[in-house]
Amino acid sequence: MLQKRRTIASIPDGLNATTEKIRKGCAVCRKFNSETKKFELSLPTTADDAKSVYGFITLRIDEDTHKESYYDDVDAGVKGVVYTLVPNEEWGTTEFDGTIAVGDKLVVSFASGTKGKLVAAGSNTPQFECVRTTPALGGYEEPMIDVKVL
């Protein structure tokens, strides 16, 4: 799940379809497919992909029925809304891996099982900083972190 916290100039882009099933709140790449002549959204698979993510995916725009859960996936081939990343904007996401604390520097993972999720930066150049954590007890089905785009 993704929630806006503080936006400055982020653009919601709903023009591209996904190449795979992607969980809302993950960071995604936008790549050009030379066969279909269209841009597509996918999870990062390499370090270069992870460094140049396009934004956070949040909705599927063809869904007009109510669903009980806000933690849905965007299925493959479905157009999703992606919010581009602008420095100093803040987003809340449930898509992270590991124990994250306020002040931790984060990057987008490209490792199997955690693709598109935020993880501790370690020795990598950070892309995000954790500014708030919300435990599962805070009214959410899952824990959430708020991050600032660096």
C-alpha atoms as a PDB file:
ATOM      1  CA  MET A   1       0.000   0.000   0.000  1.00  0.00           C
ATOM      2  CA  LEU A   2       1.140   3.535  -0.704  1.00  0.00           C
ATOM      3  CA  GLN A   3       0.010   6.750   0.951  1.00  0.00           C
ATOM      4  CA  LYS A   4       0.911  10.344   0.160  1.00  0.00           C
ATOM      5  CA  ARG A   5       2.538  12.188   3.011  1.00  0.00           C
ATOM      6  CA  ARG A   6       4.083  15.312   1.502  1.00  0.00           C
ATOM      7  CA  THR A   7       4.125  15.886  -2.242  1.00  0.00           C
ATOM      8  CA  ILE A   8       5.896  18.671  -4.047  1.00  0.00           C
ATOM      9  CA  ALA A   9       5.889  17.917  -7.772  1.00  0.00           C
ATOM     10  CA  SER A  10       5.262  14.198  -8.187  1.00  0.00           C
ATOM     11  CA  ILE A  11       3.344  13.281 -11.317  1.00  0.00           C
ATOM     12  CA  PRO A  12       0.800  10.438 -11.297  1.00  0.00           C
ATOM     13  CA  ASP A  13       1.397   8.412 -14.460  1.00  0.00           C
ATOM     14  CA  GLY A  14      -1.290   5.921 -15.474  1.00  0.00           C
ATOM     15  CA  LEU A  15      -0.282   5.284 -19.076  1.00  0.00           C
ATOM     16  CA  ASN A  16       1.729   2.081 -18.739  1.00  0.00           C
ATOM     17  CA  ALA A  17       0.812  -1.554 -18.149  1.00  0.00           C
ATOM     18  CA  THR A  18       2.661  -3.939 -15.850  1.00  0.00           C
ATOM     19  CA  THR A  19       4.721  -6.881 -17.117  1.00  0.00           C
ATOM     20  CA  GLU A  20       4.133  -8.911 -13.952  1.00  0.00           C
ATOM     21  CA  LYS A  21       1.996  -8.980 -10.824  1.00  0.00           C
ATOM     22  CA  ILE A  22       3.190  -6.109  -8.603  1.00  0.00           C
ATOM     23  CA  ARG A  23       2.134  -5.315  -5.052  1.00  0.00           C
ATOM     24  CA  LYS A  24       0.898  -1.766  -4.462  1.00  0.00           C
ATOM     25  CA  GLY A  25       3.535   0.388  -2.750  1.00  0.00           C
ATOM     26  CA  CYS A  26       6.527  -1.195  -4.527  1.00  0.00           C
ATOM     27  CA  ALA A  27       9.047   0.862  -6.467  1.00  0.00           C
ATOM     28  CA  VAL A  28       8.921   0.073 -10.182  1.00  0.00           C
ATOM     29  CA  CYS A  29      10.932   0.691 -13.338  1.00  0.00           C
ATOM     30  CA  ARG A  30       9.549   2.008 -16.603  1.00  0.00           C
ATOM     31  CA  LYS A  31      11.200   0.314 -19.586  1.00  0.00           C
ATOM     32  CA  PHE A  32      10.609   0.542 -23.316  1.00  0.00           C
ATOM     33  CA  ASN A  33       9.587  -2.717 -24.991  1.00  0.00           C
ATOM     34  CA  SER A  34      10.931  -2.638 -28.556  1.00  0.00           C
ATOM     35  CA  GLU A  35       8.537  -5.389 -29.675  1.00  0.00           C
ATOM     36  CA  THR A  36       5.312  -3.709 -28.567  1.00  0.00           C
ATOM     37  CA  LYS A  37       6.702  -0.164 -28.974  1.00  0.00           C
ATOM     38  CA  LYS A  38       5.320   0.755 -25.528  1.00  0.00           C
ATOM     39  CA  PHE A  39       6.695   1.548 -22.096  1.00  0.00           C
ATOM     40  CA  GLU A  40       6.019  -1.092 -19.449  1.00  0.00           C
ATOM     41  CA  LEU A  41       6.216  -1.189 -15.662  1.00  0.00           C
ATOM     42  CA  SER A  42       8.260  -3.893 -13.946  1.00  0.00           C
ATOM     43  CA  LEU A  43      10.066  -4.634 -10.717  1.00  0.00           C
ATOM     44  CA  PRO A  44      13.827  -3.948 -10.724  1.00  0.00           C
ATOM     45  CA  THR A  45      15.982  -6.974 -11.617  1.00  0.00           C
ATOM     46  CA  THR A  46      19.470  -5.427 -11.614  1.00  0.00           C
ATOM     47  CA  ALA A  47      21.409  -2.917  -9.517  1.00  0.00           C
ATOM     48  CA  ASP A  48      21.074  -0.358 -12.320  1.00  0.00           C
ATOM     49  CA  ASP A  49      17.290  -0.865 -12.403  1.00  0.00           C
ATOM     50  CA  ALA A  50      17.111  -0.381  -8.635  1.00  0.00           C
ATOM     51  CA  LYS A  51      19.108   2.859  -8.823  1.00  0.00           C
ATOM     52  CA  SER A  52      16.858   4.330 -11.510  1.00  0.00           C
ATOM     53  CA  VAL A  53      13.339   3.365 -10.411  1.00  0.00           C
ATOM     54  CA  TYR A  54      10.541   5.409 -11.953  1.00  0.00           C
ATOM     55  CA  GLY A  55       8.286   5.648  -8.908  1.00  0.00           C
ATOM     56  CA  PHE A  56       5.886   3.912  -6.526  1.00  0.00           C
ATOM     57  CA  ILE A  57       2.947   1.967  -7.981  1.00  0.00           C
ATOM     58  CA  THR A  58      -0.323   2.489  -6.174  1.00  0.00           C
ATOM     59  CA  LEU A  59      -3.470   1.692  -8.179  1.00  0.00           C
ATOM     60  CA  ARG A  60      -4.848  -0.245 -11.049  1.00  0.00           C
ATOM     61  CA  ILE A  61      -6.869   2.191 -13.095  1.00  0.00           C
ATOM     62  CA  ASP A  62      -9.204  -0.301 -14.775  1.00  0.00           C
ATOM     63  CA  GLU A  63     -10.746  -1.490 -11.484  1.00  0.00           C
ATOM     64  CA  ASP A  64     -14.169  -0.013 -10.804  1.00  0.00           C
ATOM     65  CA  THR A  65     -15.398  -2.415  -8.139  1.00  0.00           C
ATOM     66  CA  HIS A  66     -14.988  -1.979  -4.406  1.00  0.00           C
ATOM     67  CA  LYS A  67     -12.531  -4.284  -2.684  1.00  0.00           C
ATOM     68  CA  GLU A  68     -12.278  -4.746   1.046  1.00  0.00           C
ATOM     69  CA  SER A  69      -8.496  -4.825   1.090  1.00  0.00           C
ATOM     70  CA  TYR A  70      -6.368  -1.821   0.224  1.00  0.00           C
ATOM     71  CA  TYR A  71      -3.324  -4.087  -0.084  1.00  0.00           C
ATOM     72  CA  ASP A  72      -4.099  -5.453  -3.518  1.00  0.00           C
ATOM     73  CA  ASP A  73      -1.743  -6.447  -6.257  1.00  0.00           C
ATOM     74  CA  VAL A  74      -1.701  -4.912  -9.710  1.00  0.00           C
ATOM     75  CA  ASP A  75      -1.959  -7.882 -12.076  1.00  0.00           C
ATOM     76  CA  ALA A  76       0.255  -8.368 -15.132  1.00  0.00           C
ATOM     77  CA  GLY A  77      -0.932  -6.474 -18.208  1.00  0.00           C
ATOM     78  CA  VAL A  78      -2.980  -3.978 -16.189  1.00  0.00           C
ATOM     79  CA  LYS A  79      -2.352  -0.239 -16.288  1.00  0.00           C
ATOM     80  CA  GLY A  80      -1.290   1.038 -12.906  1.00  0.00           C
ATOM     81  CA  VAL A  81      -0.818   4.525 -11.515  1.00  0.00           C
ATOM     82  CA  VAL A  82       2.797   5.306 -10.629  1.00  0.00           C
ATOM     83  CA  TYR A  83       3.842   8.383  -8.678  1.00  0.00           C
ATOM     84  CA  THR A  84       7.204   9.680  -9.862  1.00  0.00           C
ATOM     85  CA  LEU A  85       9.932  10.370  -7.314  1.00  0.00           C
ATOM     86  CA  VAL A  86      10.871  13.970  -6.533  1.00  0.00           C
ATOM     87  CA  PRO A  87      13.489  14.883  -3.874  1.00  0.00           C
ATOM     88  CA  ASN A  88      12.106  15.772  -0.418  1.00  0.00           C
ATOM     89  CA  GLU A  89       8.681  14.250  -1.063  1.00  0.00           C
ATOM     90  CA  GLU A  90       7.412  11.820   1.562  1.00  0.00           C
ATOM     91  CA  TRP A  91       5.525   8.571   1.005  1.00  0.00           C
ATOM     92  CA  GLY A  92       4.138   5.908   3.320  1.00  0.00           C
ATOM     93  CA  THR A  93       4.577   2.308   2.171  1.00  0.00           C
ATOM     94  CA  THR A  94       4.054  -1.168   3.548  1.00  0.00           C
ATOM     95  CA  GLU A  95       6.561  -2.594   1.069  1.00  0.00           C
ATOM     96  CA  PHE A  96       9.851  -2.856   2.939  1.00  0.00           C
ATOM     97  CA  ASP A  97      11.998  -5.704   4.183  1.00  0.00           C
ATOM     98  CA  GLY A  98      13.882  -6.030   7.441  1.00  0.00           C
ATOM     99  CA  THR A  99      13.826  -3.909  10.557  1.00  0.00           C
ATOM    100  CA  ILE A 100      13.722  -0.226   9.630  1.00  0.00           C
ATOM    101  CA  ALA A 101      14.077   2.623  12.154  1.00  0.00           C
ATOM    102  CA  VAL A 102      13.659   6.384  11.858  1.00  0.00           C
ATOM    103  CA  GLY A 103      16.792   7.878  10.307  1.00  0.00           C
ATOM    104  CA  ASP A 104      17.776   4.710   8.407  1.00  0.00           C
ATOM    105  CA  LYS A 105      18.913   5.213   4.822  1.00  0.00           C
ATOM    106  CA  LEU A 106      17.211   2.951   2.294  1.00  0.00           C
ATOM    107  CA  VAL A 107      17.509   1.680  -1.268  1.00  0.00           C
ATOM    108  CA  VAL A 108      15.223  -0.284  -3.582  1.00  0.00           C
ATOM    109  CA  SER A 109      15.901  -4.015  -3.573  1.00  0.00           C
ATOM    110  CA  PHE A 110      16.370  -6.083  -6.721  1.00  0.00           C
ATOM    111  CA  ALA A 111      16.982  -9.353  -4.867  1.00  0.00           C
ATOM    112  CA  SER A 112      14.664 -12.293  -5.443  1.00  0.00           C
ATOM    113  CA  GLY A 113      11.721 -12.211  -3.047  1.00  0.00           C
ATOM    114  CA  THR A 114      12.151  -8.522  -2.180  1.00  0.00           C
ATOM    115  CA  LYS A 115      12.158  -6.881  -5.632  1.00  0.00           C
ATOM    116  CA  GLY A 116      10.783  -3.349  -5.471  1.00  0.00           C
ATOM    117  CA  LYS A 117      10.774  -3.234  -1.669  1.00  0.00           C
ATOM    118  CA  LEU A 118      12.780  -0.763   0.394  1.00  0.00           C
ATOM    119  CA  VAL A 119      15.728  -2.209   2.327  1.00  0.00           C
ATOM    120  CA  ALA A 120      18.619  -0.824   4.405  1.00  0.00           C
ATOM    121  CA  ALA A 121      21.182   0.895   2.164  1.00  0.00           C
ATOM    122  CA  GLY A 122      24.281  -0.578   3.786  1.00  0.00           C
ATOM    123  CA  SER A 123      27.242   0.648   1.717  1.00  0.00           C
ATOM    124  CA  ASN A 124      25.041   1.608  -1.276  1.00  0.00           C
ATOM    125  CA  THR A 125      24.151   5.201  -2.129  1.00  0.00           C
ATOM    126  CA  PRO A 126      20.833   5.846  -0.339  1.00  0.00           C
ATOM    127  CA  GLN A 127      17.702   6.799  -2.263  1.00  0.00           C
ATOM    128  CA  PHE A 128      15.365   7.278   0.711  1.00  0.00           C
ATOM    129  CA  GLU A 129      15.424   8.101   4.412  1.00  0.00           C
ATOM    130  CA  CYS A 130      12.936   6.674   6.913  1.00  0.00           C
ATOM    131  CA  VAL A 131      11.162   9.553   8.699  1.00  0.00           C
ATOM    132  CA  ARG A 132       8.435   7.633  10.581  1.00  0.00           C
ATOM    133  CA  THR A 133       7.392   4.089  11.386  1.00  0.00           C
ATOM    134  CA  THR A 134       3.884   2.835  12.101  1.00  0.00           C
ATOM    135  CA  PRO A 135       3.502  -0.604  13.676  1.00  0.00           C
ATOM    136  CA  ALA A 136       0.746  -2.992  12.606  1.00  0.00           C
ATOM    137  CA  LEU A 137      -1.096  -2.007  15.800  1.00  0.00           C
ATOM    138  CA  GLY A 138      -1.605   1.506  14.422  1.00  0.00           C
ATOM    139  CA  GLY A 139      -4.744   0.557  12.515  1.00  0.00           C
ATOM    140  CA  TYR A 140      -3.029  -0.963   9.499  1.00  0.00           C
ATOM    141  CA  GLU A 141      -3.067  -4.604   8.514  1.00  0.00           C
ATOM    142  CA  GLU A 142       0.679  -4.362   7.999  1.00  0.00           C
ATOM    143  CA  PRO A 143       3.432  -2.168   9.444  1.00  0.00           C
ATOM    144  CA  MET A 144       4.208   0.960   7.441  1.00  0.00           C
ATOM    145  CA  ILE A 145       7.190   3.262   7.056  1.00  0.00           C
ATOM    146  CA  ASP A 146       7.218   6.844   5.819  1.00  0.00           C
ATOM    147  CA  VAL A 147      10.189   7.701   3.643  1.00  0.00           C
ATOM    148  CA  LYS A 148      11.622  10.907   2.253  1.00  0.00           C
ATOM    149  CA  VAL A 149      13.039  10.822  -1.278  1.00  0.00           C
ATOM    150  CA  LEU A 150      16.700  11.902  -1.227  1.00  0.00           C
END
